[in-house]
C-alpha atoms as a PDB file:
ATOM      1  CA  ALA A   1      24.298 -22.244  -3.487  1.00  0.00           C
ATOM      2  CA  ALA A   2      25.672 -18.710  -3.492  1.00  0.00           C
ATOM      3  CA  LEU A   3      24.238 -17.903  -6.818  1.00  0.00           C
ATOM      4  CA  THR A   4      20.780 -19.326  -5.799  1.00  0.00           C
ATOM      5  CA  ALA A   5      20.782 -17.114  -2.723  1.00  0.00           C
ATOM      6  CA  VAL A   6      21.667 -14.135  -4.851  1.00  0.00           C
ATOM      7  CA  VAL A   7      18.905 -14.843  -7.483  1.00  0.00           C
ATOM      8  CA  ALA A   8      16.434 -15.440  -4.740  1.00  0.00           C
ATOM      9  CA  ALA A   9      17.307 -12.263  -3.037  1.00  0.00           C
ATOM     10  CA  SER A  10      16.945 -10.448  -6.341  1.00  0.00           C
ATOM     11  CA  GLY A  11      13.664 -12.055  -6.963  1.00  0.00           C
ATOM     12  CA  PHE A  12      12.212 -11.199  -3.613  1.00  0.00           C
ATOM     13  CA  ALA A  13      13.360  -7.564  -4.131  1.00  0.00           C
ATOM     14  CA  THR A  14      11.747  -7.497  -7.565  1.00  0.00           C
ATOM     15  CA  VAL A  15       8.511  -8.875  -6.379  1.00  0.00           C
ATOM     16  CA  ARG A  16       8.316  -6.574  -3.403  1.00  0.00           C
ATOM     17  CA  PHE A  17       9.078  -3.575  -5.672  1.00  0.00           C
ATOM     18  CA  ALA A  18       6.289  -4.637  -8.132  1.00  0.00           C
ATOM     19  CA  THR A  19       3.769  -5.225  -5.250  1.00  0.00           C
ATOM     20  CA  ASP A  20       4.529  -1.984  -3.394  1.00  0.00           C
ATOM     21  CA  ASN A  21       3.973  -0.109  -6.623  1.00  0.00           C
ATOM     22  CA  LEU A  22       0.647  -1.971  -7.243  1.00  0.00           C
ATOM     23  CA  LEU A  23      -0.344  -1.199  -3.710  1.00  0.00           C
ATOM     24  CA  GLU A  24       0.500   2.464  -3.919  1.00  0.00           C
ATOM     25  CA  THR A  25      -1.450   2.780  -7.262  1.00  0.00           C
ATOM     26  CA  GLU A  26      -4.535   1.042  -5.625  1.00  0.00           C
ATOM     27  CA  ALA A  27      -4.312   3.140  -2.571  1.00  0.00           C
ATOM     28  CA  ALA A  28      -4.115   6.450  -4.352  1.00  0.00           C
ATOM     29  CA  ALA A  29      -7.080   5.534  -6.591  1.00  0.00           C
ATOM     30  CA  GLU A  30      -9.154   4.421  -3.571  1.00  0.00           C
ATOM     31  CA  ALA A  31      -8.255   7.570  -1.634  1.00  0.00           C
ATOM     32  CA  ARG A  32      -9.342   9.685  -4.698  1.00  0.00           C
ATOM     33  CA  ASN A  33     -12.630   7.737  -5.063  1.00  0.00           C
ATOM     34  CA  TRP A  34     -13.399   8.025  -1.422  1.00  0.00           C
ATOM     35  CA  SER A  35     -12.699  11.772  -1.294  1.00  0.00           C
ATOM     36  CA  SER A  36     -14.945  12.267  -4.357  1.00  0.00           C
ATOM     37  CA  TYR A  37     -17.677  10.303  -2.670  1.00  0.00           C
ATOM     38  CA  LEU A  38     -17.424  12.234   0.547  1.00  0.00           C
ATOM     39  CA  SER A  39     -17.376  15.564  -1.303  1.00  0.00           C
ATOM     40  CA  LEU A  40     -20.475  14.651  -3.208  1.00  0.00           C
ATOM     41  CA  GLY A  41     -22.463  13.272  -0.182  1.00  0.00           C
ATOM     42  CA  ILE A  42     -21.613  16.044   2.303  1.00  0.00           C
ATOM     43  CA  ALA A  43     -24.532  18.518   2.137  1.00  0.00           C
ATOM     44  CA  GLY A  44     -23.308  22.205   2.243  1.00  0.00           C
ATOM     45  CA  LEU A  45     -19.687  21.365   1.807  1.00  0.00           C
ATOM     46  CA  PRO A  46     -18.550  24.793   0.574  1.00  0.00           C
ATOM     47  CA  ARG A  47     -20.397  26.450   3.322  1.00  0.00           C
ATOM     48  CA  ILE A  48     -18.526  24.225   5.930  1.00  0.00           C
ATOM     49  CA  ALA A  49     -15.246  25.039   4.097  1.00  0.00           C
ATOM     50  CA  GLN A  50     -16.175  28.744   4.724  1.00  0.00           C
ATOM     51  CA  GLY A  51     -16.623  28.199   8.425  1.00  0.00           C
ATOM     52  CA  GLU A  52     -20.397  27.195   8.787  1.00  0.00           C
ATOM     53  CA  ALA A  53     -20.925  24.411  11.284  1.00  0.00           C
ATOM     54  CA  PRO A  54     -22.301  21.157   9.627  1.00  0.00           C
ATOM     55  CA  SER A  55     -25.579  19.960  10.368  1.00  0.00           C
ATOM     56  CA  GLU A  56     -26.386  16.962  12.541  1.00  0.00           C
ATOM     57  CA  GLU A  57     -27.425  15.052   9.537  1.00  0.00           C
ATOM     58  CA  THR A  58     -24.102  15.832   7.945  1.00  0.00           C
ATOM     59  CA  ARG A  59     -22.183  14.640  11.079  1.00  0.00           C
ATOM     60  CA  ARG A  60     -24.065  11.375  11.122  1.00  0.00           C
ATOM     61  CA  TYR A  61     -23.235  10.809   7.444  1.00  0.00           C
ATOM     62  CA  LEU A  62     -19.559  11.516   7.943  1.00  0.00           C
ATOM     63  CA  GLU A  63     -19.207   9.226  10.990  1.00  0.00           C
ATOM     64  CA  GLN A  64     -21.208   6.401   9.089  1.00  0.00           C
ATOM     65  CA  ALA A  65     -18.843   6.771   6.116  1.00  0.00           C
ATOM     66  CA  ARG A  66     -15.731   6.137   8.306  1.00  0.00           C
ATOM     67  CA  SER A  67     -17.391   3.261  10.167  1.00  0.00           C
ATOM     68  CA  ILE A  68     -18.384   1.345   6.992  1.00  0.00           C
ATOM     69  CA  SER A  69     -15.035   1.875   5.097  1.00  0.00           C
ATOM     70  CA  ARG A  70     -11.375   2.268   5.430  1.00  0.00           C
ATOM     71  CA  VAL A  71     -11.605   6.046   5.860  1.00  0.00           C
ATOM     72  CA  HIS A  72      -9.533   6.763   8.805  1.00  0.00           C
ATOM     73  CA  SER A  73     -10.083  10.532   9.119  1.00  0.00           C
ATOM     74  CA  PHE A  74     -10.824  13.556   7.034  1.00  0.00           C
ATOM     75  CA  ARG A  75     -10.427  17.298   7.548  1.00  0.00           C
ATOM     76  CA  ILE A  76     -12.103  20.213   5.778  1.00  0.00           C
ATOM     77  CA  TYR A  77      -9.902  23.493   5.171  1.00  0.00           C
ATOM     78  CA  ASP A  78     -10.870  26.912   3.750  1.00  0.00           C
ATOM     79  CA  GLY A  79      -9.289  28.261   0.709  1.00  0.00           C
ATOM     80  CA  LYS A  80      -6.313  29.420   2.778  1.00  0.00           C
ATOM     81  CA  GLY A  81      -5.637  26.047   4.208  1.00  0.00           C
ATOM     82  CA  LEU A  82      -7.007  26.844   7.665  1.00  0.00           C
ATOM     83  CA  LEU A  83      -8.871  23.867   9.315  1.00  0.00           C
ATOM     84  CA  LYS A  84     -12.709  24.377   9.578  1.00  0.00           C
ATOM     85  CA  PHE A  85     -13.679  20.740  10.492  1.00  0.00           C
ATOM     86  CA  ARG A  86     -12.187  17.439  11.210  1.00  0.00           C
ATOM     87  CA  SER A  87     -13.673  13.949  11.754  1.00  0.00           C
ATOM     88  CA  GLY A  88     -14.477  12.915  15.331  1.00  0.00           C
ATOM     89  CA  GLY A  89     -15.296  14.884  18.448  1.00  0.00           C
ATOM     90  CA  ASP A  90     -16.839  18.165  17.984  1.00  0.00           C
ATOM     91  CA  GLY A  91     -15.000  18.848  14.671  1.00  0.00           C
ATOM     92  CA  ARG A  92     -12.216  20.950  16.045  1.00  0.00           C
ATOM     93  CA  SER A  93      -9.513  20.300  18.559  1.00  0.00           C
ATOM     94  CA  ALA A  94      -6.798  22.316  20.264  1.00  0.00           C
ATOM     95  CA  ARG A  95      -4.410  19.163  19.596  1.00  0.00           C
ATOM     96  CA  THR A  96      -5.076  19.209  15.932  1.00  0.00           C
ATOM     97  CA  PRO A  97      -2.884  21.355  13.743  1.00  0.00           C
ATOM     98  CA  GLN A  98      -5.045  24.308  12.572  1.00  0.00           C
ATOM     99  CA  SER A  99      -3.495  24.597   9.232  1.00  0.00           C
ATOM    100  CA  MET A 100      -2.954  22.166   6.214  1.00  0.00           C
ATOM    101  CA  ALA A 101       0.717  23.112   6.266  1.00  0.00           C
ATOM    102  CA  ALA A 102       1.358  21.962   9.819  1.00  0.00           C
ATOM    103  CA  ALA A 103      -1.016  18.857   9.567  1.00  0.00           C
ATOM    104  CA  ASP A 104      -0.430  17.667   6.052  1.00  0.00           C
ATOM    105  CA  ALA A 105       2.639  19.446   4.895  1.00  0.00           C
ATOM    106  CA  GLU A 106       3.232  17.252   1.856  1.00  0.00           C
ATOM    107  CA  LEU A 107      -0.327  18.007   0.653  1.00  0.00           C
ATOM    108  CA  ALA A 108       0.018  21.862   1.288  1.00  0.00           C
ATOM    109  CA  ILE A 109       1.537  22.200  -2.160  1.00  0.00           C
ATOM    110  CA  VAL A 110      -1.974  22.078  -3.550  1.00  0.00           C
ATOM    111  CA  LEU A 111      -3.001  25.336  -1.899  1.00  0.00           C
ATOM    112  CA  ASP A 112      -1.651  27.470  -4.866  1.00  0.00           C
ATOM    113  CA  GLY A 113      -3.590  25.229  -7.507  1.00  0.00           C
ATOM    114  CA  GLU A 114      -6.918  23.497  -8.109  1.00  0.00           C
ATOM    115  CA  LYS A 115      -5.793  19.886  -8.918  1.00  0.00           C
ATOM    116  CA  PRO A 116      -6.352  17.057  -6.427  1.00  0.00           C
ATOM    117  CA  GLN A 117      -3.149  15.684  -4.797  1.00  0.00           C
ATOM    118  CA  THR A 118      -2.610  12.160  -3.361  1.00  0.00           C
ATOM    119  CA  ILE A 119       0.411  10.951  -1.336  1.00  0.00           C
ATOM    120  CA  ILE A 120       1.307   7.713   0.276  1.00  0.00           C
ATOM    121  CA  LEU A 121       2.355   8.037   3.977  1.00  0.00           C
ATOM    122  CA  ARG A 122       3.599   5.657   6.765  1.00  0.00           C
ATOM    123  CA  GLY A 123       2.076   6.500  10.173  1.00  0.00           C
ATOM    124  CA  ARG A 124       4.540   8.095  12.752  1.00  0.00           C
ATOM    125  CA  ALA A 125       2.264   9.659  15.325  1.00  0.00           C
ATOM    126  CA  PRO A 126       0.172   7.618  17.685  1.00  0.00           C
ATOM    127  CA  GLY A 127      -3.106   6.942  16.461  1.00  0.00           C
ATOM    128  CA  GLU A 128      -2.122   7.047  12.740  1.00  0.00           C
ATOM    129  CA  PRO A 129      -2.390   3.940  10.329  1.00  0.00           C
ATOM    130  CA  ALA A 130       0.872   2.232   9.613  1.00  0.00           C
ATOM    131  CA  PHE A 131       0.232   2.633   5.902  1.00  0.00           C
ATOM    132  CA  TYR A 132      -2.279   5.081   4.390  1.00  0.00           C
ATOM    133  CA  ALA A 133      -3.258   7.132   1.330  1.00  0.00           C
ATOM    134  CA  SER A 134      -3.929  10.848   1.887  1.00  0.00           C
ATOM    135  CA  THR A 135      -5.802  12.785  -0.808  1.00  0.00           C
ATOM    136  CA  ALA A 136      -6.609  16.701  -0.991  1.00  0.00           C
ATOM    137  CA  LEU A 137      -9.575  17.318  -3.177  1.00  0.00           C
ATOM    138  CA  PRO A 138     -10.714  20.890  -3.950  1.00  0.00           C
ATOM    139  CA  ILE A 139     -14.124  22.244  -3.054  1.00  0.00           C
ATOM    140  CA  PHE A 140     -15.891  24.624  -5.327  1.00  0.00           C
ATOM    141  CA  ASP A 141     -18.655  27.033  -5.039  1.00  0.00           C
ATOM    142  CA  ALA A 142     -20.002  28.623  -8.257  1.00  0.00           C
ATOM    143  CA  GLY A 143     -16.859  27.801 -10.141  1.00  0.00           C
ATOM    144  CA  LYS A 144     -14.511  29.212  -7.483  1.00  0.00           C
ATOM    145  CA  ARG A 145     -12.327  27.174  -5.111  1.00  0.00           C
ATOM    146  CA  VAL A 146     -13.267  27.774  -1.610  1.00  0.00           C
ATOM    147  CA  GLY A 147     -11.469  25.173   0.275  1.00  0.00           C
ATOM    148  CA  TRP A 148     -10.219  21.509   0.347  1.00  0.00           C
ATOM    149  CA  ILE A 149     -11.355  18.201   1.854  1.00  0.00           C
ATOM    150  CA  VAL A 150      -8.342  15.834   2.911  1.00  0.00           C
ATOM    151  CA  THR A 151      -9.146  12.182   3.358  1.00  0.00           C
ATOM    152  CA  HIS A 152      -6.889   9.563   4.899  1.00  0.00           C
ATOM    153  CA  ILE A 153      -7.614   6.083   3.904  1.00  0.00           C
ATOM    154  CA  ASP A 154      -6.126   3.212   5.990  1.00  0.00           C
ATOM    155  CA  GLN A 155      -4.268   0.704   3.826  1.00  0.00           C
ATOM    156  CA  THR A 156      -2.507  -1.197   6.568  1.00  0.00           C
ATOM    157  CA  ALA A 157      -4.336  -4.418   6.042  1.00  0.00           C
ATOM    158  CA  ARG A 158      -3.959  -4.388   2.317  1.00  0.00           C
ATOM    159  CA  GLN A 159      -0.276  -3.736   2.631  1.00  0.00           C
ATOM    160  CA  GLU A 160       0.088  -6.685   4.987  1.00  0.00           C
ATOM    161  CA  ASN A 161      -1.824  -8.852   2.395  1.00  0.00           C
ATOM    162  CA  PHE A 162       0.477  -7.596  -0.579  1.00  0.00           C
ATOM    163  CA  PHE A 163       3.618  -8.325   1.600  1.00  0.00           C
ATOM    164  CA  ARG A 164       2.338 -11.920   2.363  1.00  0.00           C
ATOM    165  CA  MET A 165       1.866 -12.374  -1.322  1.00  0.00           C
ATOM    166  CA  ALA A 166       5.279 -11.070  -2.193  1.00  0.00           C
ATOM    167  CA  ALA A 167       6.783 -13.276   0.374  1.00  0.00           C
ATOM    168  CA  THR A 168       4.961 -16.303  -0.748  1.00  0.00           C
ATOM    169  CA  VAL A 169       5.891 -15.823  -4.354  1.00  0.00           C
ATOM    170  CA  SER A 170       9.485 -15.123  -3.485  1.00  0.00           C
ATOM    171  CA  LEU A 171       9.675 -18.308  -1.299  1.00  0.00           C
ATOM    172  CA  LEU A 172       8.254 -20.285  -4.234  1.00  0.00           C
ATOM    173  CA  ILE A 173      10.848 -18.915  -6.652  1.00  0.00           C
ATOM    174  CA  SER A 174      13.551 -19.529  -4.048  1.00  0.00           C
ATOM    175  CA  ALA A 175      12.261 -23.155  -3.543  1.00  0.00           C
ATOM    176  CA  MET A 176      12.547 -23.702  -7.377  1.00  0.00           C
ATOM    177  CA  LEU A 177      15.961 -22.303  -7.511  1.00  0.00           C
ATOM    178  CA  VAL A 178      17.222 -24.457  -4.775  1.00  0.00           C
ATOM    179  CA  SER A 179      15.339 -27.669  -5.899  1.00  0.00           C
ATOM    180  CA  VAL A 180      16.617 -27.504  -9.492  1.00  0.00           C
ATOM    181  CA  PRO A 181      20.281 -27.754  -8.686  1.00  0.00           C
ATOM    182  CA  LEU A 182      19.654 -30.309  -5.943  1.00  0.00           C
ATOM    183  CA  VAL A 183      17.760 -32.542  -8.331  1.00  0.00           C
ATOM    184  CA  GLY A 184      20.447 -32.060 -10.766  1.00  0.00           C
ATOM    185  CA  PHE A 185      23.181 -32.994  -8.124  1.00  0.00           C
ATOM    186  CA  TRP A 186      21.150 -36.093  -7.116  1.00  0.00           C
ATOM    187  CA  TYR A 187      20.651 -37.320 -10.734  1.00  0.00           C
ATOM    188  CA  ARG A 188      24.389 -36.862 -11.521  1.00  0.00           C
ATOM    189  CA  THR A 189      25.320 -38.729  -8.424  1.00  0.00           C
ATOM    190  CA  ARG A 190      23.115 -41.581  -9.259  1.00  0.00           C
ATOM    191  CA  GLN A 191      24.676 -41.710 -12.808  1.00  0.00           C
ATOM    192  CA  LYS A 192      28.136 -41.624 -11.305  1.00  0.00           C
ATOM    193  CA  ARG A 193      27.259 -44.593  -8.883  1.00  0.00           C
ATOM    194  CA  ALA A 194      25.750 -46.563 -11.750  1.00  0.00           C
ATOM    195  CA  ALA A 195      28.889 -45.989 -13.839  1.00  0.00           C
ATOM    196  CA  GLU A 196      31.292 -46.940 -11.106  1.00  0.00           C
ATOM    197  CA  LYS A 197      29.159 -50.136 -10.386  1.00  0.00           C
ATOM    198  CA  ARG A 198      29.255 -51.020 -14.109  1.00  0.00           C
ATOM    199  CA  LEU A 199      33.061 -50.429 -14.140  1.00  0.00           C
ATOM    200  CA  ASN A 200      33.483 -52.699 -11.161  1.00  0.00           C
ATOM    201  CA  GLU A 201      31.643 -55.276 -12.830  1.00  0.00           C
ATOM    202  CA  LEU A 202      33.688 -55.029 -15.980  1.00  0.00           C
ATOM    203  CA  THR A 203      36.989 -55.306 -14.071  1.00  0.00           C
ATOM    204  CA  ARG A 204      35.770 -58.472 -12.142  1.00  0.00           C
ATOM    205  CA  ARG A 205      33.866 -60.245 -15.137  1.00  0.00           C
ATOM    206  CA  ASP A 206      34.485 -61.183 -18.639  1.00  0.00           C
ATOM    207  CA  HIS A 207      32.238 -58.928 -20.795  1.00  0.00           C
ATOM    208  CA  LEU A 208      31.715 -61.761 -23.245  1.00  0.00           C
ATOM    209  CA  THR A 209      31.061 -64.842 -21.064  1.00  0.00           C
ATOM    210  CA  GLY A 210      30.030 -63.029 -17.787  1.00  0.00           C
ATOM    211  CA  LEU A 211      32.538 -65.282 -15.933  1.00  0.00           C
END
């Protein structure tokens, strides 16, 4: 029983680790894809990164993208990492950190380079998803990097599905590990009782005549 419990716990930890890795890989890939989709679909994105207000058509496109997908929020920064536009409201807010270093500190390392960066985060502040992927994608204008678009993709529902899958697999493994020794114990007990019955018959009857 102790060995079964240890193996079951190890199996659950292994399955959970594997599903967590798979979830993070898929979440990061989806975040990068959505960032690319938004950056290609936003008209005048380089100009917005340089401080120009987005058109009403662009605003509608961005809000529509949020409503039909798991895009929780996004922000557009200039080349120095200063906030120029955010999803929701009028695009800016005094309550919103005005620099990437303050709002997305773990992504701020991209400011010195030109490569996209994706990280997996667990929400801590009110209104944040419990589990989400955040991607910083560079914005180019005439071959020069002029800013960044940071996209947060809500992965909470997918994480819950992955966790349920891991729990189900672990329960099945645990059930097998428990049932096998129980079946073996039952079979051995049955054999023992049969042997005891046979021995009892031999002590009371003559094995040749049956008397």
